[in-house]
Amino acid sequence: MAVKKTEKKEKVLKLSLGGGDNVPEGFLGVDIVKTKSTKYVQDLLKFPWSQFADNSVDEIECSNFVEHIPHGDSCNDPFFQFFDEIHRILKPAEFDPINPNIATKGFARIVCPYYSSMRAWQDPTHQRAISEASFLYVNKQWRIDNKLDHYPVECDFDFTYGYVLTPEWQNRNAESQAFAMKHYINVITDIQVVLTKRS
């Protein structure tokens, strides 16, 4: 009688960075302090994150943390170091065979208050305002094209983004929304970004 070979199912590792007790289902919490939802105690501003090996994490979510990252100097900036570390620990990207635009591993979802919302600065511990343009700097080809490849950052991500609008703008027509998002403050509350590891 032939013995069937059983395939080892690869363990999926999904991390929630800096969320305290706001850890989505299926994710393991990573934070500087131990809470009931923290699996890994890690200062996310101390590099490298020694608990995580290269190419070991399938998916990352990080909500309302990036705006707290302090500024550095021209040689070291924690913003760049943070995204370099996400790039290091993420597995190479893989995509849904039915929809090759959707990554199934090797990606990170980032949520931040939008720069033109008062939410960007209402918390006195916020250090920086984030827009979609902030994420251009984590794309290697963009840095090369804009002669910024001397910046202290190595990671390479593609990214897409969307917005969360304030309730009073959510049901307006697309033309009104587009005008308001470009010209008014406090229309967009948050930006939602998906970073996909390129290399």
C-alpha atoms as a PDB file:
ATOM      1  CA  MET A   1       0.000   0.000   0.000  1.00  0.00           C
ATOM      2  CA  ALA A   2       1.464   3.349  -1.072  1.00  0.00           C
ATOM      3  CA  VAL A   3       1.875   5.979   1.609  1.00  0.00           C
ATOM      4  CA  LYS A   4       0.626   9.403   0.615  1.00  0.00           C
ATOM      5  CA  LYS A   5       3.071  12.207   1.064  1.00  0.00           C
ATOM      6  CA  THR A   6       1.520  14.964   3.087  1.00  0.00           C
ATOM      7  CA  GLU A   7       2.553  18.453   2.192  1.00  0.00           C
ATOM      8  CA  LYS A   8       3.630  20.616   5.078  1.00  0.00           C
ATOM      9  CA  LYS A   9       1.369  23.615   5.265  1.00  0.00           C
ATOM     10  CA  GLU A  10       3.426  26.773   5.398  1.00  0.00           C
ATOM     11  CA  LYS A  11       2.815  28.761   8.556  1.00  0.00           C
ATOM     12  CA  VAL A  12       1.327  32.181   7.839  1.00  0.00           C
ATOM     13  CA  LEU A  13       2.678  35.079   9.910  1.00  0.00           C
ATOM     14  CA  LYS A  14       0.672  38.312   9.954  1.00  0.00           C
ATOM     15  CA  LEU A  15       1.836  41.159  12.204  1.00  0.00           C
ATOM     16  CA  SER A  16       0.021  44.199  13.567  1.00  0.00           C
ATOM     17  CA  LEU A  17       2.579  46.908  14.351  1.00  0.00           C
ATOM     18  CA  GLY A  18       2.158  49.450  17.142  1.00  0.00           C
ATOM     19  CA  GLY A  19      -1.557  48.998  17.629  1.00  0.00           C
ATOM     20  CA  GLY A  20      -1.710  48.267  21.355  1.00  0.00           C
ATOM     21  CA  ASP A  21      -4.911  46.315  21.927  1.00  0.00           C
ATOM     22  CA  ASN A  22      -6.329  47.212  18.488  1.00  0.00           C
ATOM     23  CA  VAL A  23      -5.068  44.056  16.789  1.00  0.00           C
ATOM     24  CA  PRO A  24      -7.226  42.694  13.938  1.00  0.00           C
ATOM     25  CA  GLU A  25      -8.294  39.065  13.983  1.00  0.00           C
ATOM     26  CA  GLY A  26      -5.667  36.762  12.508  1.00  0.00           C
ATOM     27  CA  PHE A  27      -2.770  39.119  13.308  1.00  0.00           C
ATOM     28  CA  LEU A  28      -0.187  38.997  16.096  1.00  0.00           C
ATOM     29  CA  GLY A  29       0.451  42.235  17.956  1.00  0.00           C
ATOM     30  CA  VAL A  30       3.885  43.876  18.079  1.00  0.00           C
ATOM     31  CA  ASP A  31       4.323  46.776  20.493  1.00  0.00           C
ATOM     32  CA  ILE A  32       6.736  48.407  22.888  1.00  0.00           C
ATOM     33  CA  VAL A  33       4.640  47.424  25.914  1.00  0.00           C
ATOM     34  CA  LYS A  34       2.996  44.147  26.838  1.00  0.00           C
ATOM     35  CA  THR A  35      -0.785  44.231  26.559  1.00  0.00           C
ATOM     36  CA  LYS A  36      -3.315  41.414  26.330  1.00  0.00           C
ATOM     37  CA  SER A  37      -3.003  41.636  22.515  1.00  0.00           C
ATOM     38  CA  THR A  38       0.806  41.876  22.322  1.00  0.00           C
ATOM     39  CA  LYS A  39       2.522  38.715  21.127  1.00  0.00           C
ATOM     40  CA  TYR A  40       5.924  40.335  20.561  1.00  0.00           C
ATOM     41  CA  VAL A  41       7.357  43.122  22.732  1.00  0.00           C
ATOM     42  CA  GLN A  42       9.487  45.219  20.391  1.00  0.00           C
ATOM     43  CA  ASP A  43      10.447  48.886  20.238  1.00  0.00           C
ATOM     44  CA  LEU A  44       9.582  49.603  16.604  1.00  0.00           C
ATOM     45  CA  LEU A  45      12.059  52.492  16.562  1.00  0.00           C
ATOM     46  CA  LYS A  46      15.044  50.294  17.518  1.00  0.00           C
ATOM     47  CA  PHE A  47      16.515  48.604  14.469  1.00  0.00           C
ATOM     48  CA  PRO A  48      16.781  45.836  13.465  1.00  0.00           C
ATOM     49  CA  TRP A  49      13.695  44.051  14.825  1.00  0.00           C
ATOM     50  CA  SER A  50      15.653  41.074  16.062  1.00  0.00           C
ATOM     51  CA  GLN A  51      12.625  38.810  16.652  1.00  0.00           C
ATOM     52  CA  PHE A  52      11.847  38.618  12.929  1.00  0.00           C
ATOM     53  CA  ALA A  53      14.009  36.969  10.297  1.00  0.00           C
ATOM     54  CA  ASP A  54      14.444  38.208   6.749  1.00  0.00           C
ATOM     55  CA  ASN A  55      11.556  37.249   4.427  1.00  0.00           C
ATOM     56  CA  SER A  56       9.520  35.712   7.257  1.00  0.00           C
ATOM     57  CA  VAL A  57       6.277  37.735   7.404  1.00  0.00           C
ATOM     58  CA  ASP A  58       3.336  37.301   5.028  1.00  0.00           C
ATOM     59  CA  GLU A  59       1.400  40.456   5.804  1.00  0.00           C
ATOM     60  CA  ILE A  60       1.684  43.554   7.989  1.00  0.00           C
ATOM     61  CA  GLU A  61      -0.922  46.016   9.148  1.00  0.00           C
ATOM     62  CA  CYS A  62      -0.003  49.246  10.869  1.00  0.00           C
ATOM     63  CA  SER A  63      -2.676  51.726  11.871  1.00  0.00           C
ATOM     64  CA  ASN A  64      -2.023  55.153  13.392  1.00  0.00           C
ATOM     65  CA  PHE A  65       1.664  54.626  14.102  1.00  0.00           C
ATOM     66  CA  VAL A  66       3.666  56.116  11.225  1.00  0.00           C
ATOM     67  CA  GLU A  67       2.668  59.681  12.142  1.00  0.00           C
ATOM     68  CA  HIS A  68       4.374  59.132  15.531  1.00  0.00           C
ATOM     69  CA  ILE A  69       7.781  58.347  13.987  1.00  0.00           C
ATOM     70  CA  PRO A  70      10.215  61.135  14.939  1.00  0.00           C
ATOM     71  CA  HIS A  71      12.443  62.932  12.472  1.00  0.00           C
ATOM     72  CA  GLY A  72      16.100  62.017  12.158  1.00  0.00           C
ATOM     73  CA  ASP A  73      18.931  63.640  10.266  1.00  0.00           C
ATOM     74  CA  SER A  74      20.355  63.440   6.758  1.00  0.00           C
ATOM     75  CA  CYS A  75      22.195  60.196   7.567  1.00  0.00           C
ATOM     76  CA  ASN A  76      19.575  58.371   9.618  1.00  0.00           C
ATOM     77  CA  ASP A  77      15.856  58.872   9.553  1.00  0.00           C
ATOM     78  CA  PRO A  78      13.584  56.535  11.542  1.00  0.00           C
ATOM     79  CA  PHE A  79      10.874  56.890   8.865  1.00  0.00           C
ATOM     80  CA  PHE A  80      13.165  55.273   6.302  1.00  0.00           C
ATOM     81  CA  GLN A  81      14.563  52.775   8.794  1.00  0.00           C
ATOM     82  CA  PHE A  82      11.012  51.712   9.716  1.00  0.00           C
ATOM     83  CA  PHE A  83      10.087  50.984   6.092  1.00  0.00           C
ATOM     84  CA  ASP A  84      13.444  49.332   5.403  1.00  0.00           C
ATOM     85  CA  GLU A  85      12.680  46.985   8.286  1.00  0.00           C
ATOM     86  CA  ILE A  86       9.177  46.211   6.983  1.00  0.00           C
ATOM     87  CA  HIS A  87      10.763  45.449   3.612  1.00  0.00           C
ATOM     88  CA  ARG A  88      13.383  43.196   5.204  1.00  0.00           C
ATOM     89  CA  ILE A  89      10.952  41.023   7.147  1.00  0.00           C
ATOM     90  CA  LEU A  90       8.221  40.720   4.498  1.00  0.00           C
ATOM     91  CA  LYS A  91       8.257  37.656   2.271  1.00  0.00           C
ATOM     92  CA  PRO A  92       8.628  38.236  -1.462  1.00  0.00           C
ATOM     93  CA  ALA A  93       5.286  39.306  -2.891  1.00  0.00           C
ATOM     94  CA  GLU A  94       2.956  36.717  -4.383  1.00  0.00           C
ATOM     95  CA  PHE A  95      -0.261  37.526  -6.228  1.00  0.00           C
ATOM     96  CA  ASP A  96      -3.729  36.066  -6.643  1.00  0.00           C
ATOM     97  CA  PRO A  97      -3.676  33.983  -9.864  1.00  0.00           C
ATOM     98  CA  ILE A  98      -7.230  35.108 -10.663  1.00  0.00           C
ATOM     99  CA  ASN A  99      -6.475  38.795 -10.027  1.00  0.00           C
ATOM    100  CA  PRO A 100      -2.745  39.486 -10.438  1.00  0.00           C
ATOM    101  CA  ASN A 101      -3.198  43.017  -9.067  1.00  0.00           C
ATOM    102  CA  ILE A 102      -3.960  41.666  -5.576  1.00  0.00           C
ATOM    103  CA  ALA A 103      -1.040  40.568  -3.422  1.00  0.00           C
ATOM    104  CA  THR A 104      -1.613  37.521  -1.224  1.00  0.00           C
ATOM    105  CA  LYS A 105       1.667  37.884   0.673  1.00  0.00           C
ATOM    106  CA  GLY A 106       4.566  40.316   0.848  1.00  0.00           C
ATOM    107  CA  PHE A 107       2.508  43.436   1.505  1.00  0.00           C
ATOM    108  CA  ALA A 108       1.716  45.942   4.251  1.00  0.00           C
ATOM    109  CA  ARG A 109      -1.403  48.000   4.920  1.00  0.00           C
ATOM    110  CA  ILE A 110      -0.708  51.401   6.485  1.00  0.00           C
ATOM    111  CA  VAL A 111      -3.360  53.781   7.856  1.00  0.00           C
ATOM    112  CA  CYS A 112      -2.523  57.343   8.956  1.00  0.00           C
ATOM    113  CA  PRO A 113      -4.384  60.589   9.560  1.00  0.00           C
ATOM    114  CA  TYR A 114      -4.256  62.603   6.340  1.00  0.00           C
ATOM    115  CA  TYR A 115      -2.065  65.700   6.262  1.00  0.00           C
ATOM    116  CA  SER A 116      -4.962  68.097   5.537  1.00  0.00           C
ATOM    117  CA  SER A 117      -7.099  66.831   8.407  1.00  0.00           C
ATOM    118  CA  MET A 118      -6.940  68.259  11.904  1.00  0.00           C
ATOM    119  CA  ARG A 119      -6.534  64.612  12.951  1.00  0.00           C
ATOM    120  CA  ALA A 120      -2.954  64.873  11.687  1.00  0.00           C
ATOM    121  CA  TRP A 121      -2.082  67.245  14.525  1.00  0.00           C
ATOM    122  CA  GLN A 122      -4.765  66.825  17.204  1.00  0.00           C
ATOM    123  CA  ASP A 123      -2.571  64.367  19.112  1.00  0.00           C
ATOM    124  CA  PRO A 124       0.422  66.239  20.588  1.00  0.00           C
ATOM    125  CA  THR A 125       2.577  63.113  20.139  1.00  0.00           C
ATOM    126  CA  HIS A 126       2.222  63.173  16.343  1.00  0.00           C
ATOM    127  CA  GLN A 127       5.568  63.981  14.708  1.00  0.00           C
ATOM    128  CA  ARG A 128       4.827  64.226  10.985  1.00  0.00           C
ATOM    129  CA  ALA A 129       2.016  64.745   8.491  1.00  0.00           C
ATOM    130  CA  ILE A 130       1.481  61.974   5.941  1.00  0.00           C
ATOM    131  CA  SER A 131       0.175  62.226   2.372  1.00  0.00           C
ATOM    132  CA  GLU A 132       0.247  59.897  -0.604  1.00  0.00           C
ATOM    133  CA  ALA A 133       3.451  61.651  -1.741  1.00  0.00           C
ATOM    134  CA  SER A 134       5.221  60.501   1.436  1.00  0.00           C
ATOM    135  CA  PHE A 135       5.262  56.963   0.039  1.00  0.00           C
ATOM    136  CA  LEU A 136       7.015  57.895  -3.201  1.00  0.00           C
ATOM    137  CA  TYR A 137      10.241  57.805  -1.188  1.00  0.00           C
ATOM    138  CA  VAL A 138       9.947  54.066  -0.518  1.00  0.00           C
ATOM    139  CA  ASN A 139       9.941  53.282  -4.256  1.00  0.00           C
ATOM    140  CA  LYS A 140      13.467  52.741  -5.556  1.00  0.00           C
ATOM    141  CA  GLN A 141      12.830  53.734  -9.179  1.00  0.00           C
ATOM    142  CA  TRP A 142      11.151  56.982  -8.108  1.00  0.00           C
ATOM    143  CA  ARG A 143      14.182  57.841  -5.983  1.00  0.00           C
ATOM    144  CA  ILE A 144      16.491  57.131  -8.921  1.00  0.00           C
ATOM    145  CA  ASP A 145      14.340  59.128 -11.369  1.00  0.00           C
ATOM    146  CA  ASN A 146      14.265  62.094  -9.002  1.00  0.00           C
ATOM    147  CA  LYS A 147      17.985  61.910  -8.208  1.00  0.00           C
ATOM    148  CA  LEU A 148      17.268  61.038  -4.578  1.00  0.00           C
ATOM    149  CA  ASP A 149      18.937  57.649  -4.524  1.00  0.00           C
ATOM    150  CA  HIS A 150      21.504  59.071  -2.081  1.00  0.00           C
ATOM    151  CA  TYR A 151      18.773  59.202   0.596  1.00  0.00           C
ATOM    152  CA  PRO A 152      19.404  56.815   3.515  1.00  0.00           C
ATOM    153  CA  VAL A 153      16.777  54.251   2.453  1.00  0.00           C
ATOM    154  CA  GLU A 154      17.083  50.919   0.635  1.00  0.00           C
ATOM    155  CA  CYS A 155      13.538  49.508   0.459  1.00  0.00           C
ATOM    156  CA  ASP A 156      11.535  49.167  -2.728  1.00  0.00           C
ATOM    157  CA  PHE A 157       7.726  49.101  -2.638  1.00  0.00           C
ATOM    158  CA  ASP A 158       4.945  49.642  -5.113  1.00  0.00           C
ATOM    159  CA  PHE A 159       1.967  51.313  -3.478  1.00  0.00           C
ATOM    160  CA  THR A 160      -1.698  52.071  -3.922  1.00  0.00           C
ATOM    161  CA  TYR A 161      -3.831  54.286  -1.716  1.00  0.00           C
ATOM    162  CA  GLY A 162      -7.359  55.325  -0.870  1.00  0.00           C
ATOM    163  CA  TYR A 163      -9.051  57.755   1.477  1.00  0.00           C
ATOM    164  CA  VAL A 164     -11.549  57.826   4.302  1.00  0.00           C
ATOM    165  CA  LEU A 165     -13.779  60.879   3.920  1.00  0.00           C
ATOM    166  CA  THR A 166     -15.610  62.721   6.665  1.00  0.00           C
ATOM    167  CA  PRO A 167     -19.286  61.676   6.909  1.00  0.00           C
ATOM    168  CA  GLU A 168     -20.564  64.912   5.350  1.00  0.00           C
ATOM    169  CA  TRP A 169     -18.555  64.248   2.178  1.00  0.00           C
ATOM    170  CA  GLN A 170     -19.043  60.500   1.792  1.00  0.00           C
ATOM    171  CA  ASN A 171     -22.295  60.694  -0.185  1.00  0.00           C
ATOM    172  CA  ARG A 172     -21.433  63.625  -2.439  1.00  0.00           C
ATOM    173  CA  ASN A 173     -20.877  63.008  -6.137  1.00  0.00           C
ATOM    174  CA  ALA A 174     -17.377  62.087  -7.318  1.00  0.00           C
ATOM    175  CA  GLU A 175     -16.756  65.488  -8.955  1.00  0.00           C
ATOM    176  CA  SER A 176     -17.563  67.379  -5.738  1.00  0.00           C
ATOM    177  CA  GLN A 177     -15.456  65.008  -3.685  1.00  0.00           C
ATOM    178  CA  ALA A 178     -12.458  65.350  -6.006  1.00  0.00           C
ATOM    179  CA  PHE A 179     -12.630  69.161  -5.873  1.00  0.00           C
ATOM    180  CA  ALA A 180     -13.025  69.200  -2.088  1.00  0.00           C
ATOM    181  CA  MET A 181     -10.182  66.737  -1.490  1.00  0.00           C
ATOM    182  CA  LYS A 182      -7.838  68.935  -3.488  1.00  0.00           C
ATOM    183  CA  HIS A 183      -8.889  72.335  -2.164  1.00  0.00           C
ATOM    184  CA  TYR A 184     -10.410  71.999   1.313  1.00  0.00           C
ATOM    185  CA  ILE A 185      -9.114  70.898   4.684  1.00  0.00           C
ATOM    186  CA  ASN A 186     -10.877  68.304   6.855  1.00  0.00           C
ATOM    187  CA  VAL A 187     -12.461  66.446   3.928  1.00  0.00           C
ATOM    188  CA  ILE A 188     -10.221  63.378   4.133  1.00  0.00           C
ATOM    189  CA  THR A 189      -9.703  61.996   7.632  1.00  0.00           C
ATOM    190  CA  ASP A 190      -7.320  59.107   6.900  1.00  0.00           C
ATOM    191  CA  ILE A 191      -5.176  57.745   4.115  1.00  0.00           C
ATOM    192  CA  GLN A 192      -5.019  53.972   3.587  1.00  0.00           C
ATOM    193  CA  VAL A 193      -1.933  52.687   1.778  1.00  0.00           C
ATOM    194  CA  VAL A 194      -0.987  49.214   0.561  1.00  0.00           C
ATOM    195  CA  LEU A 195       2.753  48.707   0.080  1.00  0.00           C
ATOM    196  CA  THR A 196       3.815  45.682  -1.969  1.00  0.00           C
ATOM    197  CA  LYS A 197       7.396  44.448  -1.723  1.00  0.00           C
ATOM    198  CA  ARG A 198       9.178  44.718  -5.073  1.00  0.00           C
ATOM    199  CA  SER A 199      12.464  42.902  -4.468  1.00  0.00           C
END
